[in-house]
């Protein structure tokens, strides 16, 4: 099992240290030791160099030092989208300008290259790691798994309960747990999954009982009924009811729970627009370690939903 020392950008600094408030001595020591630091990219100049606020001096990450890419391809969008956000880096050199002011030459590329060598390339399929959501698309969520190295969780691997967009499950900046599906050492590409950590059908169903009334999210409306999500890895089917819309919160009466068919029968009591609120943390049934095999469906169910990690 890999111990994660290379944190996502925005999480590298100690909690009691203001972002970018480094002293001259700290910058000198980091330059000598190769320690990875983090601060905010204040702007991108006309030559697409990132200017970083270090507190005691200005830092410059030249364009060629912004991103490490195994295939040496650096897109402009990967540079300009860093402005206003924390970036990790190594201090390569401390210099003086013509005015006698100190500034530091920095390399985010060197920090990422070290992270690939000592962490990313040592990951195995099935390893459980931490990450931070960077941005969301209809096809999936992009995750920083360390030093700004981005991986993808495709939408079908986010949860068992179906969603139409990754924003239905995640928010930018959210810290999550995820599981490695594959690591390509040629391209540096890492693919991830998330659903296996959210519990099996039985683990989720054990939180509910017949006769209870619970709250859920309306995920889809079909001719034969309405699917209501009770948890990210658990949905039930309710009879059709007029006036119900996808995305609403529904109060549902739990009519029956049938493990051998992996079904929960519901009756919608009421539905209303979901009020804006704080993001809820996930209930992870597995948080650390390694998985080789995971089965979602109960053993009594003929339908098998499972994942293999090789």
Protein backbone atom coordinates (compact mmCIF):
# COMPACT_ATOMS: atom_id res chain seq x y z
CA UNK A 1 0.00 0.00 0.00
CA UNK A 2 1.32 3.46 -0.94
CA UNK A 3 1.42 6.15 1.73
CA UNK A 4 0.36 9.39 0.11
CA UNK A 5 2.84 12.22 0.77
CA UNK A 6 2.09 14.18 -2.39
CA UNK A 7 -1.14 16.01 -1.63
CA UNK A 8 -3.46 17.78 -4.07
CA UNK A 9 -2.75 21.46 -4.63
CA UNK A 10 -4.44 23.56 -1.98
CA UNK A 11 -3.73 20.96 0.70
CA UNK A 12 0.06 20.95 0.80
CA UNK A 13 0.54 23.79 3.27
CA UNK A 14 0.15 23.23 6.98
CA UNK A 15 -3.19 24.34 8.39
CA UNK A 16 -1.53 27.02 10.56
CA UNK A 17 0.51 28.54 7.72
CA UNK A 18 -0.93 31.26 5.53
CA UNK A 19 -0.61 30.37 1.86
CA UNK A 20 2.58 31.86 0.44
CA UNK A 21 3.85 33.47 3.68
CA UNK A 22 7.40 32.19 3.35
CA UNK A 23 10.44 33.86 4.83
CA UNK A 24 13.69 34.34 2.90
CA UNK A 25 15.29 31.63 5.05
CA UNK A 26 12.49 29.15 4.23
CA UNK A 27 12.93 29.81 0.51
CA UNK A 28 16.69 29.32 0.83
CA UNK A 29 16.28 26.04 2.73
CA UNK A 30 13.72 24.75 0.21
CA UNK A 31 16.11 25.58 -2.63
CA UNK A 32 18.89 23.62 -0.95
CA UNK A 33 16.77 20.61 0.08
CA UNK A 34 14.42 20.28 -2.90
CA UNK A 35 11.36 20.53 -0.64
CA UNK A 36 8.06 21.03 -2.44
CA UNK A 37 6.29 24.25 -1.45
CA UNK A 38 2.97 25.80 -2.46
CA UNK A 39 1.64 29.29 -3.07
CA UNK A 40 -0.88 31.14 -5.22
CA UNK A 41 -0.27 31.99 -8.87
CA UNK A 42 -0.98 35.72 -8.97
CA UNK A 43 -0.93 36.17 -12.76
CA UNK A 44 0.24 34.82 -16.10
CA UNK A 45 2.38 37.23 -18.10
CA UNK A 46 2.44 37.74 -21.87
CA UNK A 47 5.04 34.98 -22.29
CA UNK A 48 2.86 32.59 -20.31
CA UNK A 49 5.11 32.50 -17.28
CA UNK A 50 3.30 32.18 -13.97
CA UNK A 51 4.07 34.83 -11.34
CA UNK A 52 3.78 33.45 -7.82
CA UNK A 53 3.47 35.37 -4.55
CA UNK A 54 5.94 33.90 -2.04
CA UNK A 55 5.43 36.56 0.62
CA UNK A 56 9.06 37.62 0.95
CA UNK A 57 9.70 37.81 -2.80
CA UNK A 58 8.25 37.15 -6.23
CA UNK A 59 8.49 33.70 -7.76
CA UNK A 60 8.53 32.92 -11.49
CA UNK A 61 7.48 29.62 -13.05
CA UNK A 62 8.57 29.76 -16.69
CA UNK A 63 6.16 28.30 -19.24
CA UNK A 64 8.24 25.18 -19.79
CA UNK A 65 8.30 24.56 -16.01
CA UNK A 66 4.54 24.81 -15.37
CA UNK A 67 3.48 21.23 -16.19
CA UNK A 68 5.24 17.89 -16.36
CA UNK A 69 3.98 15.81 -19.27
CA UNK A 70 5.48 12.41 -20.15
CA UNK A 71 4.82 13.18 -23.83
CA UNK A 72 6.19 16.77 -23.49
CA UNK A 73 2.88 18.29 -24.59
CA UNK A 74 1.89 21.40 -22.62
CA UNK A 75 -1.38 23.09 -23.60
CA UNK A 76 -1.91 26.81 -23.00
CA UNK A 77 -5.11 26.14 -21.09
CA UNK A 78 -3.14 24.11 -18.53
CA UNK A 79 -1.15 27.26 -17.74
CA UNK A 80 -3.69 30.07 -17.73
CA UNK A 81 -6.22 28.12 -15.64
CA UNK A 82 -3.72 28.07 -12.75
CA UNK A 83 -4.03 31.83 -12.18
CA UNK A 84 -5.62 32.64 -8.82
CA UNK A 85 -5.14 29.08 -7.58
CA UNK A 86 -2.54 27.36 -5.38
CA UNK A 87 0.34 25.78 -7.26
CA UNK A 88 3.07 23.49 -5.94
CA UNK A 89 6.69 23.97 -6.94
CA UNK A 90 10.35 23.45 -6.18
CA UNK A 91 12.67 26.43 -5.69
CA UNK A 92 15.38 26.06 -8.34
CA UNK A 93 17.35 29.27 -7.87
CA UNK A 94 17.27 32.61 -6.02
CA UNK A 95 18.40 35.61 -8.09
CA UNK A 96 18.50 39.43 -8.08
CA UNK A 97 17.03 41.69 -10.74
CA UNK A 98 18.50 44.93 -12.01
CA UNK A 99 16.91 46.80 -9.11
CA UNK A 100 18.62 44.58 -6.59
CA UNK A 101 15.38 42.81 -5.64
CA UNK A 102 15.39 39.10 -4.90
CA UNK A 103 13.18 36.74 -6.88
CA UNK A 104 13.02 32.95 -7.17
CA UNK A 105 12.93 30.71 -10.20
CA UNK A 106 10.44 27.94 -9.50
CA UNK A 107 9.45 24.67 -11.17
CA UNK A 108 6.04 23.04 -10.84
CA UNK A 109 7.24 20.57 -13.45
CA UNK A 110 10.00 19.30 -11.12
CA UNK A 111 7.51 18.83 -8.26
CA UNK A 112 5.17 16.83 -10.49
CA UNK A 113 8.01 14.78 -11.95
CA UNK A 114 9.04 13.78 -8.42
CA UNK A 115 5.43 12.91 -7.56
CA UNK A 116 5.16 10.66 -10.62
CA UNK A 117 8.42 8.88 -9.79
CA UNK A 118 7.89 8.40 -6.04
CA UNK A 119 4.10 8.07 -5.90
CA UNK A 120 2.00 7.88 -9.08
CA UNK A 121 4.03 5.21 -10.89
CA UNK A 122 4.03 3.07 -7.72
CA UNK A 123 0.24 2.97 -7.49
CA UNK A 124 -1.51 -0.31 -8.28
CA UNK A 125 -5.01 -1.03 -9.53
CA UNK A 126 -7.19 -1.24 -6.42
CA UNK A 127 -5.20 1.21 -4.25
CA UNK A 128 -7.42 3.65 -2.33
CA UNK A 129 -6.15 7.23 -2.33
CA UNK A 130 -7.27 10.78 -1.64
CA UNK A 131 -8.01 13.47 -4.21
CA UNK A 132 -9.58 16.88 -4.70
CA UNK A 133 -12.21 17.70 -7.35
CA UNK A 134 -10.90 20.31 -9.80
CA UNK A 135 -13.69 20.60 -12.38
CA UNK A 136 -16.79 18.81 -13.55
CA UNK A 137 -18.07 17.73 -16.95
CA UNK A 138 -21.14 15.75 -18.09
CA UNK A 139 -18.89 12.74 -18.78
CA UNK A 140 -17.08 12.74 -15.44
CA UNK A 141 -15.10 14.48 -12.73
CA UNK A 142 -11.47 15.59 -12.87
CA UNK A 143 -9.48 14.95 -9.71
CA UNK A 144 -6.14 16.27 -8.47
CA UNK A 145 -4.46 13.21 -6.95
CA UNK A 146 -1.25 15.00 -5.96
CA UNK A 147 0.82 18.06 -6.94
CA UNK A 148 -1.75 19.10 -9.55
CA UNK A 149 -1.63 15.77 -11.41
CA UNK A 150 -5.12 15.30 -12.83
CA UNK A 151 -7.07 12.06 -13.21
CA UNK A 152 -10.60 11.27 -14.34
CA UNK A 153 -13.53 9.49 -12.72
CA UNK A 154 -15.95 8.72 -15.55
CA UNK A 155 -19.61 9.31 -14.74
CA UNK A 156 -20.43 5.59 -14.67
CA UNK A 157 -17.77 5.07 -11.99
CA UNK A 158 -18.94 7.86 -9.67
CA UNK A 159 -21.80 5.97 -8.00
CA UNK A 160 -24.25 3.11 -8.54
CA UNK A 161 -27.20 5.49 -8.47
CA UNK A 162 -27.34 7.07 -11.91
CA UNK A 163 -26.74 10.79 -12.33
CA UNK A 164 -26.97 12.96 -15.44
CA UNK A 165 -23.93 15.13 -14.66
CA UNK A 166 -20.95 14.81 -12.33
CA UNK A 167 -22.06 18.03 -10.60
CA UNK A 168 -25.01 16.05 -9.21
CA UNK A 169 -22.51 14.27 -6.97
CA UNK A 170 -19.44 16.51 -6.56
CA UNK A 171 -18.43 20.16 -6.17
CA UNK A 172 -15.14 21.81 -7.22
CA UNK A 173 -12.68 21.87 -4.34
CA UNK A 174 -14.26 18.88 -2.62
CA UNK A 175 -11.91 16.38 -0.99
CA UNK A 176 -12.82 12.77 -1.76
CA UNK A 177 -11.54 9.21 -1.53
CA UNK A 178 -11.15 7.25 -4.76
CA UNK A 179 -9.78 3.95 -6.02
CA UNK A 180 -7.19 3.48 -8.75
CA UNK A 181 -8.42 1.60 -11.83
CA UNK A 182 -5.30 1.83 -13.98
CA UNK A 183 -1.93 3.58 -14.28
CA UNK A 184 -0.31 4.02 -17.71
CA UNK A 185 3.41 4.64 -17.19
CA UNK A 186 3.84 5.58 -20.86
CA UNK A 187 1.34 8.44 -20.92
CA UNK A 188 1.13 9.17 -17.19
CA UNK A 189 -2.63 8.71 -17.36
CA UNK A 190 -4.39 7.47 -14.22
CA UNK A 191 -8.05 6.42 -14.24
CA UNK A 192 -10.12 6.27 -11.07
CA UNK A 193 -13.35 4.92 -9.64
CA UNK A 194 -15.45 6.04 -6.67
CA UNK A 195 -18.57 3.87 -6.43
CA UNK A 196 -16.86 0.91 -4.73
CA UNK A 197 -16.17 3.03 -1.64
CA UNK A 198 -19.82 4.00 -1.11
CA UNK A 199 -21.02 0.62 0.16
CA UNK A 200 -22.77 -2.44 -1.21
CA UNK A 201 -26.50 -2.68 -1.78
CA UNK A 202 -26.94 -4.50 1.53
CA UNK A 203 -24.76 -2.07 3.50
CA UNK A 204 -26.85 0.84 2.24
CA UNK A 205 -30.20 -0.94 2.60
CA UNK A 206 -29.39 -1.76 6.24
CA UNK A 207 -29.80 1.95 7.01
CA UNK A 208 -33.54 1.74 6.20
CA UNK A 209 -36.53 -0.29 7.38
CA UNK A 210 -39.95 -1.11 5.96
CA UNK A 211 -42.50 1.38 7.24
CA UNK A 212 -40.10 4.27 7.53
CA UNK A 213 -40.49 7.56 5.68
CA UNK A 214 -37.19 8.88 4.34
CA UNK A 215 -35.92 11.72 2.17
CA UNK A 216 -34.36 11.13 -1.24
CA UNK A 217 -33.50 12.82 -4.54
CA UNK A 218 -35.57 12.21 -7.67
CA UNK A 219 -33.09 10.97 -10.29
CA UNK A 220 -35.25 9.84 -13.21
CA UNK A 221 -38.88 9.59 -14.24
CA UNK A 222 -39.94 6.66 -16.41
CA UNK A 223 -43.28 5.41 -17.74
CA UNK A 224 -43.29 2.63 -15.15
CA UNK A 225 -42.26 4.73 -12.14
CA UNK A 226 -39.94 7.22 -10.52
CA UNK A 227 -36.44 6.40 -9.29
CA UNK A 228 -35.59 8.05 -5.99
CA UNK A 229 -32.02 7.99 -4.67
CA UNK A 230 -31.87 7.22 -0.96
CA UNK A 231 -28.06 7.19 -0.91
CA UNK A 232 -25.39 7.53 -3.64
CA UNK A 233 -25.28 3.73 -3.99
CA UNK A 234 -28.97 3.01 -3.35
CA UNK A 235 -32.14 3.91 -5.24
CA UNK A 236 -35.72 2.74 -5.00
CA UNK A 237 -38.65 2.75 -7.42
CA UNK A 238 -41.85 4.61 -6.64
CA UNK A 239 -45.16 4.57 -8.47
CA UNK A 240 -45.66 7.46 -10.89
CA UNK A 241 -47.01 10.66 -9.35
CA UNK A 242 -48.01 13.90 -11.07
CA UNK A 243 -46.03 17.05 -10.35
CA UNK A 244 -42.74 15.36 -9.51
CA UNK A 245 -39.59 16.62 -11.25
CA UNK A 246 -36.05 15.31 -11.59
CA UNK A 247 -33.75 16.89 -8.98
CA UNK A 248 -36.47 17.47 -6.42
CA UNK A 249 -36.31 16.18 -2.88
CA UNK A 250 -38.97 13.55 -2.22
CA UNK A 251 -40.39 12.25 1.04
CA UNK A 252 -40.91 8.54 0.43
CA UNK A 253 -42.62 5.79 2.39
CA UNK A 254 -40.63 2.55 2.29
CA UNK A 255 -43.15 -0.07 1.25
CA UNK A 256 -40.85 -3.07 0.82
CA UNK A 257 -37.16 -4.09 0.74
CA UNK A 258 -36.33 -7.15 -1.38
CA UNK A 259 -32.62 -8.16 -1.24
CA UNK A 260 -32.95 -11.16 -3.59
CA UNK A 261 -34.18 -8.80 -6.32
CA UNK A 262 -32.11 -5.83 -5.17
CA UNK A 263 -35.26 -3.70 -5.08
CA UNK A 264 -36.78 -1.13 -2.76
CA UNK A 265 -40.42 -0.24 -3.35
CA UNK A 266 -41.39 3.30 -2.44
CA UNK A 267 -44.44 5.55 -2.29
CA UNK A 268 -43.88 9.28 -2.80
CA UNK A 269 -45.59 11.22 -0.02
CA UNK A 270 -44.45 14.68 -1.09
CA UNK A 271 -41.92 16.34 -3.36
CA UNK A 272 -40.43 19.81 -3.36
CA UNK A 273 -37.54 21.76 -4.85
CA UNK A 274 -34.30 20.89 -3.12
CA UNK A 275 -33.21 23.86 -0.97
CA UNK A 276 -29.64 25.12 -1.42
CA UNK A 277 -27.43 23.96 1.40
CA UNK A 278 -23.98 22.94 2.43
CA UNK A 279 -22.29 20.11 0.63
CA UNK A 280 -22.59 16.80 2.48
CA UNK A 281 -19.59 14.58 2.99
CA UNK A 282 -19.81 11.05 1.67
CA UNK A 283 -20.24 8.05 3.93
CA UNK A 284 -17.32 5.89 2.84
CA UNK A 285 -17.58 2.24 3.82
CA UNK A 286 -13.96 1.74 2.75
CA UNK A 287 -11.50 4.61 3.25
CA UNK A 288 -8.00 3.16 2.99
CA UNK A 289 -6.04 0.16 1.84
CA UNK A 290 -6.44 -1.92 -1.29
CA UNK A 291 -9.28 -3.74 -3.07
CA UNK A 292 -8.89 -6.65 -5.48
CA UNK A 293 -12.58 -7.46 -5.80
CA UNK A 294 -15.85 -5.78 -4.84
CA UNK A 295 -19.40 -7.06 -5.20
CA UNK A 296 -22.29 -4.64 -4.95
CA UNK A 297 -25.19 -7.09 -5.27
CA UNK A 298 -26.25 -9.38 -2.38
CA UNK A 299 -25.25 -13.03 -2.60
CA UNK A 300 -28.95 -13.96 -2.68
CA UNK A 301 -29.48 -11.92 -5.86
CA UNK A 302 -29.14 -13.58 -9.28
CA UNK A 303 -28.02 -10.33 -10.88
CA UNK A 304 -24.33 -9.73 -10.17
CA UNK A 305 -22.77 -6.27 -10.07
CA UNK A 306 -19.05 -6.46 -9.30
CA UNK A 307 -15.69 -4.83 -9.89
CA UNK A 308 -12.28 -6.43 -10.39
CA UNK A 309 -8.98 -4.64 -9.84
CA UNK A 310 -5.99 -6.36 -11.44
